[in-house]
Amino acid sequence: MKRSARIFIHTACLVLILSCVSCTPGVRLSSQSWQGGVSGTYTVIYYGCNFSEDLETVVFLDREGDQYTIEPFAPDFKYRVKKGVDARDAFSHIEGFLRCSTAFQGSQVKRIIAPNGQALGYEVRPVYAPFVYGAGDVLNVDYWLNGDKAVAYIRLDPTIERLIYGGSSVIDE
């Protein structure tokens, strides 16, 4: 192979690698279980519960007045938004929304942490009877900061998804 062809191939590979790096979603945000109180005014994002037994159901409380907004990575029909809701009012409606599955046992609250260490919002997810799906917590939710948006990627845990839709389990393998 000629030297010029090798240089061209190496340059093309470098351009591809650099362009893929620029496609990364941004800074990954962390979340942690939260037992404390929640106060203030929030935009409440009701994600899922589009049909009976919809396991991809979660609620986000996006603190109003801060520099960040929470946005699910999903089409508009997968979630509903209600703005200007007091935290107490939000929590009084959330549990009813999360009862989309007959296996619902309760909920857990997670604090979504901004890069400065402050809470930019909260996630409230259902906890199911573990004997039904093999685990009480069936969701994987990842947050990536892209500019001033905290993009939430919501999906079923792969093990749960395989159990429900794939028809196989650890016993079958």
N, C-alpha and C. Protein backbone atom coordinates (compact mmCIF):
# COMPACT_ATOMS: atom_id res chain seq x y z
N MET A 1 0.85 -1.17 0.00
CA MET A 1 0.00 0.00 0.00
C MET A 1 0.90 1.23 0.00
N LYS A 2 0.53 2.18 -0.80
CA LYS A 2 1.32 3.41 -0.90
C LYS A 2 1.22 4.21 0.38
N ARG A 3 2.24 4.99 0.60
CA ARG A 3 2.30 5.83 1.81
C ARG A 3 1.14 6.82 1.85
N SER A 4 0.79 7.40 0.73
CA SER A 4 -0.30 8.39 0.71
C SER A 4 -1.64 7.73 1.06
N ALA A 5 -1.84 6.48 0.63
CA ALA A 5 -3.08 5.79 0.97
C ALA A 5 -3.15 5.50 2.46
N ARG A 6 -2.02 5.09 3.06
CA ARG A 6 -1.98 4.85 4.50
C ARG A 6 -2.26 6.12 5.28
N ILE A 7 -1.68 7.22 4.86
CA ILE A 7 -1.91 8.51 5.53
C ILE A 7 -3.39 8.88 5.44
N PHE A 8 -3.98 8.67 4.26
CA PHE A 8 -5.40 8.97 4.08
C PHE A 8 -6.26 8.12 5.02
N ILE A 9 -5.98 6.82 5.11
CA ILE A 9 -6.75 5.92 5.97
C ILE A 9 -6.59 6.31 7.43
N HIS A 10 -5.38 6.62 7.86
CA HIS A 10 -5.15 7.03 9.25
C HIS A 10 -5.87 8.34 9.56
N THR A 11 -5.83 9.27 8.63
CA THR A 11 -6.50 10.56 8.82
C THR A 11 -8.01 10.36 8.91
N ALA A 12 -8.56 9.50 8.02
CA ALA A 12 -10.00 9.23 8.04
C ALA A 12 -10.41 8.58 9.36
N CYS A 13 -9.61 7.65 9.85
CA CYS A 13 -9.91 7.00 11.13
C CYS A 13 -9.87 8.00 12.27
N LEU A 14 -8.88 8.89 12.26
CA LEU A 14 -8.78 9.91 13.29
C LEU A 14 -9.99 10.84 13.27
N VAL A 15 -10.43 11.24 12.09
CA VAL A 15 -11.61 12.10 11.97
C VAL A 15 -12.84 11.38 12.50
N LEU A 16 -13.00 10.09 12.18
CA LEU A 16 -14.13 9.31 12.68
C LEU A 16 -14.12 9.21 14.20
N ILE A 17 -12.97 8.95 14.77
CA ILE A 17 -12.85 8.84 16.22
C ILE A 17 -13.19 10.16 16.89
N LEU A 18 -12.66 11.24 16.37
CA LEU A 18 -12.93 12.55 16.96
C LEU A 18 -14.39 12.95 16.80
N SER A 19 -15.01 12.59 15.69
CA SER A 19 -16.42 12.94 15.52
C SER A 19 -17.29 12.10 16.45
N CYS A 20 -16.90 10.86 16.73
CA CYS A 20 -17.67 10.04 17.68
C CYS A 20 -17.56 10.59 19.08
N VAL A 21 -16.40 11.09 19.46
CA VAL A 21 -16.22 11.68 20.78
C VAL A 21 -17.11 12.90 20.93
N SER A 22 -17.31 13.67 19.87
CA SER A 22 -18.16 14.85 19.96
C SER A 22 -19.63 14.49 20.06
N CYS A 23 -19.99 13.23 19.80
CA CYS A 23 -21.38 12.78 19.89
C CYS A 23 -21.75 12.30 21.29
N THR A 24 -20.78 12.26 22.20
CA THR A 24 -21.10 11.79 23.54
C THR A 24 -22.13 12.70 24.17
N PRO A 25 -22.99 12.16 25.02
CA PRO A 25 -24.12 12.92 25.53
C PRO A 25 -23.77 14.03 26.52
N GLY A 26 -22.59 14.11 27.04
CA GLY A 26 -22.23 15.17 27.97
C GLY A 26 -21.69 14.60 29.26
N VAL A 27 -21.90 15.32 30.35
CA VAL A 27 -21.40 14.93 31.66
C VAL A 27 -22.43 14.02 32.34
N ARG A 28 -21.98 12.90 32.83
CA ARG A 28 -22.88 11.98 33.53
C ARG A 28 -23.19 12.52 34.92
N LEU A 29 -24.46 12.53 35.27
CA LEU A 29 -24.89 12.97 36.60
C LEU A 29 -25.18 11.75 37.46
N SER A 30 -25.04 11.92 38.74
CA SER A 30 -25.32 10.82 39.64
C SER A 30 -26.65 11.05 40.35
N SER A 31 -27.18 9.98 40.89
CA SER A 31 -28.38 10.07 41.72
C SER A 31 -28.15 9.18 42.93
N GLN A 32 -28.82 9.53 44.02
CA GLN A 32 -28.66 8.74 45.23
C GLN A 32 -29.98 8.71 45.98
N SER A 33 -30.18 7.63 46.72
CA SER A 33 -31.41 7.51 47.50
C SER A 33 -31.55 8.71 48.41
N TRP A 34 -32.78 9.14 48.61
CA TRP A 34 -33.05 10.33 49.40
C TRP A 34 -34.15 10.03 50.40
N GLN A 35 -33.85 10.24 51.65
CA GLN A 35 -34.83 10.02 52.72
C GLN A 35 -35.36 11.34 53.27
N GLY A 36 -34.70 12.44 52.95
CA GLY A 36 -35.07 13.74 53.50
C GLY A 36 -36.34 14.29 52.87
N GLY A 37 -36.70 15.46 53.32
CA GLY A 37 -37.88 16.12 52.80
C GLY A 37 -37.61 16.81 51.48
N VAL A 38 -38.68 17.11 50.78
CA VAL A 38 -38.60 17.82 49.51
C VAL A 38 -39.55 19.00 49.61
N SER A 39 -39.02 20.18 49.34
CA SER A 39 -39.87 21.37 49.38
C SER A 39 -39.56 22.23 48.16
N GLY A 40 -40.45 23.15 47.89
CA GLY A 40 -40.27 24.04 46.75
C GLY A 40 -41.29 23.79 45.67
N THR A 41 -41.07 24.46 44.54
CA THR A 41 -41.96 24.35 43.39
C THR A 41 -41.24 23.60 42.28
N TYR A 42 -41.97 22.68 41.65
CA TYR A 42 -41.37 21.80 40.66
C TYR A 42 -42.21 21.70 39.40
N THR A 43 -41.54 21.37 38.32
CA THR A 43 -42.20 20.88 37.13
C THR A 43 -42.21 19.37 37.30
N VAL A 44 -43.39 18.77 37.27
CA VAL A 44 -43.50 17.33 37.48
C VAL A 44 -43.65 16.66 36.12
N ILE A 45 -42.79 15.68 35.88
CA ILE A 45 -42.79 14.95 34.62
C ILE A 45 -43.23 13.51 34.91
N TYR A 46 -44.41 13.17 34.43
CA TYR A 46 -44.97 11.83 34.61
C TYR A 46 -44.59 11.00 33.39
N TYR A 47 -43.67 10.06 33.57
CA TYR A 47 -43.18 9.25 32.46
C TYR A 47 -43.79 7.85 32.54
N GLY A 48 -44.35 7.37 31.43
CA GLY A 48 -44.85 6.01 31.37
C GLY A 48 -46.30 5.89 31.78
N CYS A 49 -46.63 4.73 32.34
CA CYS A 49 -47.99 4.36 32.72
C CYS A 49 -48.95 4.61 31.55
N ASN A 50 -48.48 4.24 30.36
CA ASN A 50 -49.28 4.42 29.15
C ASN A 50 -50.22 3.25 28.89
N PHE A 51 -50.04 2.17 29.65
CA PHE A 51 -50.90 1.00 29.55
C PHE A 51 -50.78 0.23 30.86
N SER A 52 -51.70 -0.69 31.08
CA SER A 52 -51.68 -1.48 32.31
C SER A 52 -50.40 -2.31 32.36
N GLU A 53 -49.77 -2.37 33.52
CA GLU A 53 -48.52 -3.11 33.75
C GLU A 53 -47.33 -2.50 33.01
N ASP A 54 -47.38 -1.20 32.72
CA ASP A 54 -46.25 -0.50 32.09
C ASP A 54 -45.16 -0.32 33.15
N LEU A 55 -44.11 -1.13 33.07
CA LEU A 55 -43.05 -1.08 34.07
C LEU A 55 -42.12 0.12 33.89
N GLU A 56 -42.05 0.66 32.69
CA GLU A 56 -41.22 1.85 32.47
C GLU A 56 -42.01 3.08 32.90
N THR A 57 -42.22 3.16 34.20
CA THR A 57 -42.98 4.25 34.79
C THR A 57 -42.15 4.89 35.89
N VAL A 58 -42.01 6.22 35.84
CA VAL A 58 -41.23 6.97 36.81
C VAL A 58 -41.70 8.42 36.78
N VAL A 59 -41.47 9.13 37.87
CA VAL A 59 -41.84 10.55 37.94
C VAL A 59 -40.59 11.35 38.27
N PHE A 60 -40.43 12.48 37.59
CA PHE A 60 -39.32 13.38 37.85
C PHE A 60 -39.86 14.69 38.40
N LEU A 61 -39.20 15.21 39.41
CA LEU A 61 -39.52 16.53 39.93
C LEU A 61 -38.36 17.43 39.57
N ASP A 62 -38.60 18.34 38.65
CA ASP A 62 -37.58 19.26 38.15
C ASP A 62 -37.73 20.59 38.90
N ARG A 63 -36.73 20.91 39.71
CA ARG A 63 -36.78 22.13 40.51
C ARG A 63 -36.90 23.35 39.60
N GLU A 64 -37.91 24.17 39.84
CA GLU A 64 -38.10 25.38 39.04
C GLU A 64 -37.21 26.49 39.56
N GLY A 65 -36.70 27.29 38.65
CA GLY A 65 -35.89 28.44 39.03
C GLY A 65 -34.40 28.17 39.05
N ASP A 66 -33.99 26.93 38.82
CA ASP A 66 -32.54 26.69 38.76
C ASP A 66 -32.10 26.71 37.30
N GLN A 67 -30.83 26.49 37.07
CA GLN A 67 -30.30 26.62 35.71
C GLN A 67 -30.51 25.38 34.86
N TYR A 68 -30.99 24.28 35.44
CA TYR A 68 -31.13 23.03 34.71
C TYR A 68 -32.58 22.62 34.54
N THR A 69 -32.85 21.90 33.47
CA THR A 69 -34.16 21.29 33.28
C THR A 69 -33.96 19.80 33.05
N ILE A 70 -34.89 19.00 33.52
CA ILE A 70 -34.86 17.56 33.31
C ILE A 70 -35.75 17.25 32.12
N GLU A 71 -35.24 16.43 31.23
CA GLU A 71 -35.99 16.07 30.04
C GLU A 71 -35.79 14.59 29.74
N PRO A 72 -36.86 13.81 29.68
CA PRO A 72 -36.71 12.39 29.31
C PRO A 72 -36.28 12.27 27.86
N PHE A 73 -35.43 11.30 27.58
CA PHE A 73 -35.04 10.99 26.20
C PHE A 73 -36.10 10.05 25.66
N ALA A 74 -37.18 10.64 25.17
CA ALA A 74 -38.33 9.85 24.72
C ALA A 74 -39.24 10.75 23.88
N PRO A 75 -40.08 10.13 23.06
CA PRO A 75 -41.06 10.94 22.33
C PRO A 75 -42.07 11.56 23.29
N ASP A 76 -42.66 12.66 22.87
CA ASP A 76 -43.60 13.42 23.72
C ASP A 76 -44.76 12.59 24.25
N PHE A 77 -45.22 11.59 23.50
CA PHE A 77 -46.38 10.82 23.94
C PHE A 77 -46.05 9.88 25.10
N LYS A 78 -44.78 9.71 25.45
CA LYS A 78 -44.40 8.82 26.55
C LYS A 78 -44.49 9.50 27.92
N TYR A 79 -44.61 10.82 27.95
CA TYR A 79 -44.66 11.52 29.23
C TYR A 79 -45.55 12.75 29.17
N ARG A 80 -45.95 13.18 30.38
CA ARG A 80 -46.79 14.37 30.53
C ARG A 80 -46.11 15.32 31.52
N VAL A 81 -46.29 16.61 31.33
CA VAL A 81 -45.61 17.62 32.14
C VAL A 81 -46.64 18.52 32.81
N LYS A 82 -46.42 18.78 34.10
CA LYS A 82 -47.27 19.71 34.85
C LYS A 82 -46.33 20.70 35.55
N LYS A 83 -46.47 21.97 35.26
CA LYS A 83 -45.57 23.00 35.80
C LYS A 83 -46.15 23.68 37.03
N GLY A 84 -45.24 24.23 37.84
CA GLY A 84 -45.65 25.03 38.99
C GLY A 84 -46.33 24.27 40.09
N VAL A 85 -45.88 23.06 40.40
CA VAL A 85 -46.51 22.22 41.40
C VAL A 85 -45.70 22.26 42.69
N ASP A 86 -46.39 22.52 43.81
CA ASP A 86 -45.74 22.48 45.11
C ASP A 86 -45.36 21.03 45.43
N ALA A 87 -44.23 20.83 46.09
CA ALA A 87 -43.72 19.48 46.38
C ALA A 87 -44.76 18.62 47.11
N ARG A 88 -45.45 19.20 48.10
CA ARG A 88 -46.46 18.42 48.83
C ARG A 88 -47.59 17.95 47.92
N ASP A 89 -48.05 18.85 47.05
CA ASP A 89 -49.11 18.47 46.11
C ASP A 89 -48.62 17.40 45.14
N ALA A 90 -47.36 17.53 44.70
CA ALA A 90 -46.81 16.56 43.76
C ALA A 90 -46.79 15.17 44.39
N PHE A 91 -46.30 15.06 45.60
CA PHE A 91 -46.19 13.75 46.24
C PHE A 91 -47.55 13.13 46.54
N SER A 92 -48.56 13.97 46.71
CA SER A 92 -49.89 13.41 46.96
C SER A 92 -50.47 12.74 45.71
N HIS A 93 -49.99 13.10 44.52
CA HIS A 93 -50.49 12.51 43.28
C HIS A 93 -49.56 11.44 42.70
N ILE A 94 -48.30 11.49 43.07
CA ILE A 94 -47.30 10.61 42.45
C ILE A 94 -47.60 9.14 42.71
N GLU A 95 -47.89 8.76 43.93
CA GLU A 95 -48.07 7.35 44.23
C GLU A 95 -49.23 6.76 43.45
N GLY A 96 -50.29 7.52 43.26
CA GLY A 96 -51.40 7.03 42.45
C GLY A 96 -50.98 6.78 41.01
N PHE A 97 -50.12 7.64 40.48
CA PHE A 97 -49.62 7.46 39.12
C PHE A 97 -48.73 6.22 39.03
N LEU A 98 -47.90 6.01 40.04
CA LEU A 98 -46.96 4.89 40.01
C LEU A 98 -47.64 3.54 40.17
N ARG A 99 -48.88 3.50 40.57
CA ARG A 99 -49.61 2.24 40.77
C ARG A 99 -50.10 1.66 39.43
N CYS A 100 -49.29 1.74 38.43
CA CYS A 100 -49.64 1.27 37.10
C CYS A 100 -49.61 -0.26 37.01
N SER A 101 -48.85 -0.87 37.89
CA SER A 101 -48.74 -2.33 37.90
C SER A 101 -49.39 -2.89 39.15
N THR A 102 -49.98 -4.06 39.00
CA THR A 102 -50.60 -4.72 40.15
C THR A 102 -49.55 -5.21 41.15
N ALA A 103 -48.28 -5.25 40.74
CA ALA A 103 -47.20 -5.69 41.63
C ALA A 103 -46.61 -4.52 42.43
N PHE A 104 -47.17 -3.32 42.30
CA PHE A 104 -46.66 -2.13 43.00
C PHE A 104 -46.71 -2.35 44.51
N GLN A 105 -45.59 -2.05 45.19
CA GLN A 105 -45.54 -2.17 46.65
C GLN A 105 -45.23 -0.85 47.34
N GLY A 106 -44.63 0.07 46.64
CA GLY A 106 -44.26 1.33 47.25
C GLY A 106 -43.41 2.13 46.27
N SER A 107 -42.76 3.16 46.78
CA SER A 107 -41.92 3.99 45.92
C SER A 107 -40.63 4.33 46.63
N GLN A 108 -39.66 4.72 45.83
CA GLN A 108 -38.40 5.20 46.38
C GLN A 108 -38.05 6.52 45.71
N VAL A 109 -37.43 7.40 46.48
CA VAL A 109 -37.06 8.72 45.99
C VAL A 109 -35.55 8.77 45.84
N LYS A 110 -35.10 9.31 44.70
CA LYS A 110 -33.68 9.51 44.47
C LYS A 110 -33.45 10.99 44.16
N ARG A 111 -32.38 11.50 44.66
CA ARG A 111 -31.98 12.88 44.43
C ARG A 111 -31.05 12.91 43.23
N ILE A 112 -31.32 13.76 42.26
CA ILE A 112 -30.48 13.92 41.07
C ILE A 112 -29.52 15.07 41.35
N ILE A 113 -28.22 14.77 41.27
CA ILE A 113 -27.21 15.73 41.73
C ILE A 113 -26.56 16.46 40.56
N ALA A 114 -26.58 17.78 40.64
CA ALA A 114 -25.93 18.64 39.64
C ALA A 114 -24.42 18.61 39.84
N PRO A 115 -23.65 19.07 38.85
CA PRO A 115 -22.19 19.07 39.00
C PRO A 115 -21.70 19.86 40.21
N ASN A 116 -22.46 20.85 40.66
CA ASN A 116 -22.05 21.65 41.82
C ASN A 116 -22.42 20.99 43.15
N GLY A 117 -23.02 19.79 43.10
CA GLY A 117 -23.36 19.06 44.32
C GLY A 117 -24.76 19.32 44.83
N GLN A 118 -25.45 20.27 44.26
CA GLN A 118 -26.82 20.58 44.67
C GLN A 118 -27.81 19.64 43.97
N ALA A 119 -28.99 19.52 44.55
CA ALA A 119 -30.04 18.71 43.93
C ALA A 119 -30.67 19.52 42.81
N LEU A 120 -30.67 18.99 41.59
CA LEU A 120 -31.36 19.69 40.51
C LEU A 120 -32.78 19.16 40.35
N GLY A 121 -33.07 18.08 41.05
CA GLY A 121 -34.41 17.52 41.03
C GLY A 121 -34.44 16.16 41.71
N TYR A 122 -35.57 15.50 41.58
CA TYR A 122 -35.77 14.21 42.22
C TYR A 122 -36.42 13.24 41.25
N GLU A 123 -36.18 11.98 41.51
CA GLU A 123 -36.80 10.90 40.74
C GLU A 123 -37.58 10.07 41.75
N VAL A 124 -38.82 9.75 41.41
CA VAL A 124 -39.63 8.88 42.25
C VAL A 124 -40.01 7.68 41.38
N ARG A 125 -39.54 6.51 41.79
CA ARG A 125 -39.79 5.31 41.00
C ARG A 125 -40.54 4.27 41.81
N PRO A 126 -41.29 3.42 41.13
CA PRO A 126 -42.04 2.37 41.83
C PRO A 126 -41.12 1.25 42.30
N VAL A 127 -41.53 0.60 43.36
CA VAL A 127 -40.89 -0.62 43.84
C VAL A 127 -41.96 -1.70 43.76
N TYR A 128 -41.60 -2.81 43.10
CA TYR A 128 -42.56 -3.89 42.86
C TYR A 128 -42.29 -5.06 43.79
N ALA A 129 -43.27 -5.93 43.91
CA ALA A 129 -43.10 -7.16 44.68
C ALA A 129 -42.00 -7.96 44.01
N PRO A 130 -40.90 -8.25 44.71
CA PRO A 130 -39.75 -8.90 44.07
C PRO A 130 -40.03 -10.28 43.51
N PHE A 131 -41.01 -10.99 44.05
CA PHE A 131 -41.29 -12.33 43.54
C PHE A 131 -41.97 -12.31 42.17
N VAL A 132 -42.49 -11.15 41.75
CA VAL A 132 -43.17 -11.07 40.46
C VAL A 132 -42.17 -10.93 39.32
N TYR A 133 -41.21 -10.02 39.46
CA TYR A 133 -40.25 -9.75 38.38
C TYR A 133 -38.83 -10.16 38.73
N GLY A 134 -38.63 -10.72 39.89
CA GLY A 134 -37.28 -11.13 40.28
C GLY A 134 -36.51 -10.04 41.00
N ALA A 135 -37.05 -8.84 41.04
CA ALA A 135 -36.43 -7.70 41.73
C ALA A 135 -37.51 -6.66 41.98
N GLY A 136 -37.31 -5.89 43.03
CA GLY A 136 -38.26 -4.82 43.33
C GLY A 136 -38.05 -3.59 42.47
N ASP A 137 -36.80 -3.33 42.12
CA ASP A 137 -36.44 -2.18 41.29
C ASP A 137 -36.11 -2.69 39.90
N VAL A 138 -36.92 -2.35 38.91
CA VAL A 138 -36.76 -2.91 37.57
C VAL A 138 -36.20 -1.91 36.55
N LEU A 139 -35.94 -0.66 36.97
CA LEU A 139 -35.52 0.37 36.02
C LEU A 139 -34.04 0.70 36.11
N ASN A 140 -33.50 1.09 34.99
CA ASN A 140 -32.19 1.73 34.91
C ASN A 140 -32.44 3.14 34.38
N VAL A 141 -32.10 4.14 35.16
CA VAL A 141 -32.25 5.53 34.73
C VAL A 141 -30.88 6.19 34.83
N ASP A 142 -30.40 6.69 33.70
CA ASP A 142 -29.11 7.39 33.65
C ASP A 142 -29.36 8.83 33.27
N TYR A 143 -28.56 9.72 33.83
CA TYR A 143 -28.69 11.15 33.58
C TYR A 143 -27.40 11.68 32.96
N TRP A 144 -27.56 12.44 31.90
CA TRP A 144 -26.42 13.07 31.23
C TRP A 144 -26.73 14.54 31.07
N LEU A 145 -25.80 15.38 31.49
CA LEU A 145 -25.96 16.82 31.37
C LEU A 145 -25.48 17.24 29.99
N ASN A 146 -26.37 17.84 29.23
CA ASN A 146 -26.06 18.33 27.91
C ASN A 146 -26.46 19.80 27.87
N GLY A 147 -25.50 20.68 28.10
CA GLY A 147 -25.81 22.11 28.22
C GLY A 147 -26.53 22.34 29.53
N ASP A 148 -27.74 22.90 29.44
CA ASP A 148 -28.53 23.14 30.65
C ASP A 148 -29.64 22.11 30.83
N LYS A 149 -29.58 21.01 30.07
CA LYS A 149 -30.59 19.95 30.18
C LYS A 149 -29.98 18.70 30.78
N ALA A 150 -30.68 18.18 31.78
CA ALA A 150 -30.33 16.87 32.33
C ALA A 150 -31.23 15.87 31.61
N VAL A 151 -30.65 15.14 30.69
CA VAL A 151 -31.41 14.20 29.88
C VAL A 151 -31.47 12.86 30.61
N ALA A 152 -32.68 12.37 30.83
CA ALA A 152 -32.91 11.11 31.53
C ALA A 152 -33.15 10.00 30.51
N TYR A 153 -32.33 8.97 30.58
CA TYR A 153 -32.48 7.79 29.73
C TYR A 153 -33.09 6.69 30.59
N ILE A 154 -34.31 6.30 30.26
CA ILE A 154 -35.07 5.35 31.06
C ILE A 154 -35.20 4.04 30.28
N ARG A 155 -34.89 2.92 30.94
CA ARG A 155 -35.07 1.63 30.30
C ARG A 155 -35.21 0.56 31.38
N LEU A 156 -35.80 -0.54 31.00
CA LEU A 156 -35.90 -1.67 31.91
C LEU A 156 -34.52 -2.28 32.11
N ASP A 157 -34.29 -2.80 33.29
CA ASP A 157 -33.07 -3.55 33.54
C ASP A 157 -33.04 -4.70 32.52
N PRO A 158 -31.90 -4.95 31.88
CA PRO A 158 -31.84 -5.99 30.84
C PRO A 158 -32.29 -7.37 31.32
N THR A 159 -32.00 -7.70 32.56
CA THR A 159 -32.43 -9.00 33.09
C THR A 159 -33.94 -9.09 33.15
N ILE A 160 -34.58 -8.03 33.60
CA ILE A 160 -36.05 -7.99 33.68
C ILE A 160 -36.64 -8.01 32.28
N GLU A 161 -36.05 -7.23 31.38
CA GLU A 161 -36.55 -7.18 30.01
C GLU A 161 -36.46 -8.55 29.34
N ARG A 162 -35.37 -9.24 29.54
CA ARG A 162 -35.21 -10.58 28.97
C ARG A 162 -36.24 -11.55 29.57
N LEU A 163 -36.48 -11.43 30.86
CA LEU A 163 -37.45 -12.28 31.53
C LEU A 163 -38.86 -12.06 30.97
N ILE A 164 -39.22 -10.78 30.78
CA ILE A 164 -40.57 -10.45 30.34
C ILE A 164 -40.77 -10.68 28.83
N TYR A 165 -39.85 -10.16 28.04
CA TYR A 165 -40.05 -10.17 26.58
C TYR A 165 -39.29 -11.30 25.87
N GLY A 166 -38.20 -11.76 26.48
CA GLY A 166 -37.39 -12.76 25.82
C GLY A 166 -37.79 -14.17 26.13
N GLY A 167 -38.52 -14.36 27.20
CA GLY A 167 -39.00 -15.68 27.55
C GLY A 167 -37.95 -16.59 28.15
N SER A 168 -36.76 -16.06 28.43
CA SER A 168 -35.76 -16.93 29.05
C SER A 168 -35.45 -16.42 30.44
N SER A 169 -34.93 -17.28 31.23
CA SER A 169 -34.52 -16.90 32.56
C SER A 169 -33.23 -17.61 32.88
N VAL A 170 -32.69 -17.36 34.03
CA VAL A 170 -31.47 -18.01 34.45
C VAL A 170 -31.66 -19.52 34.51
N ILE A 171 -32.85 -19.97 34.87
CA ILE A 171 -33.15 -21.39 34.97
C ILE A 171 -33.07 -22.05 33.59
N ASP A 172 -33.53 -21.33 32.55
CA ASP A 172 -33.54 -21.88 31.18
C ASP A 172 -32.15 -22.00 30.59
N GLU A 173 -31.20 -21.22 31.09
CA GLU A 173 -29.88 -21.18 30.46
C GLU A 173 -28.96 -22.22 30.99
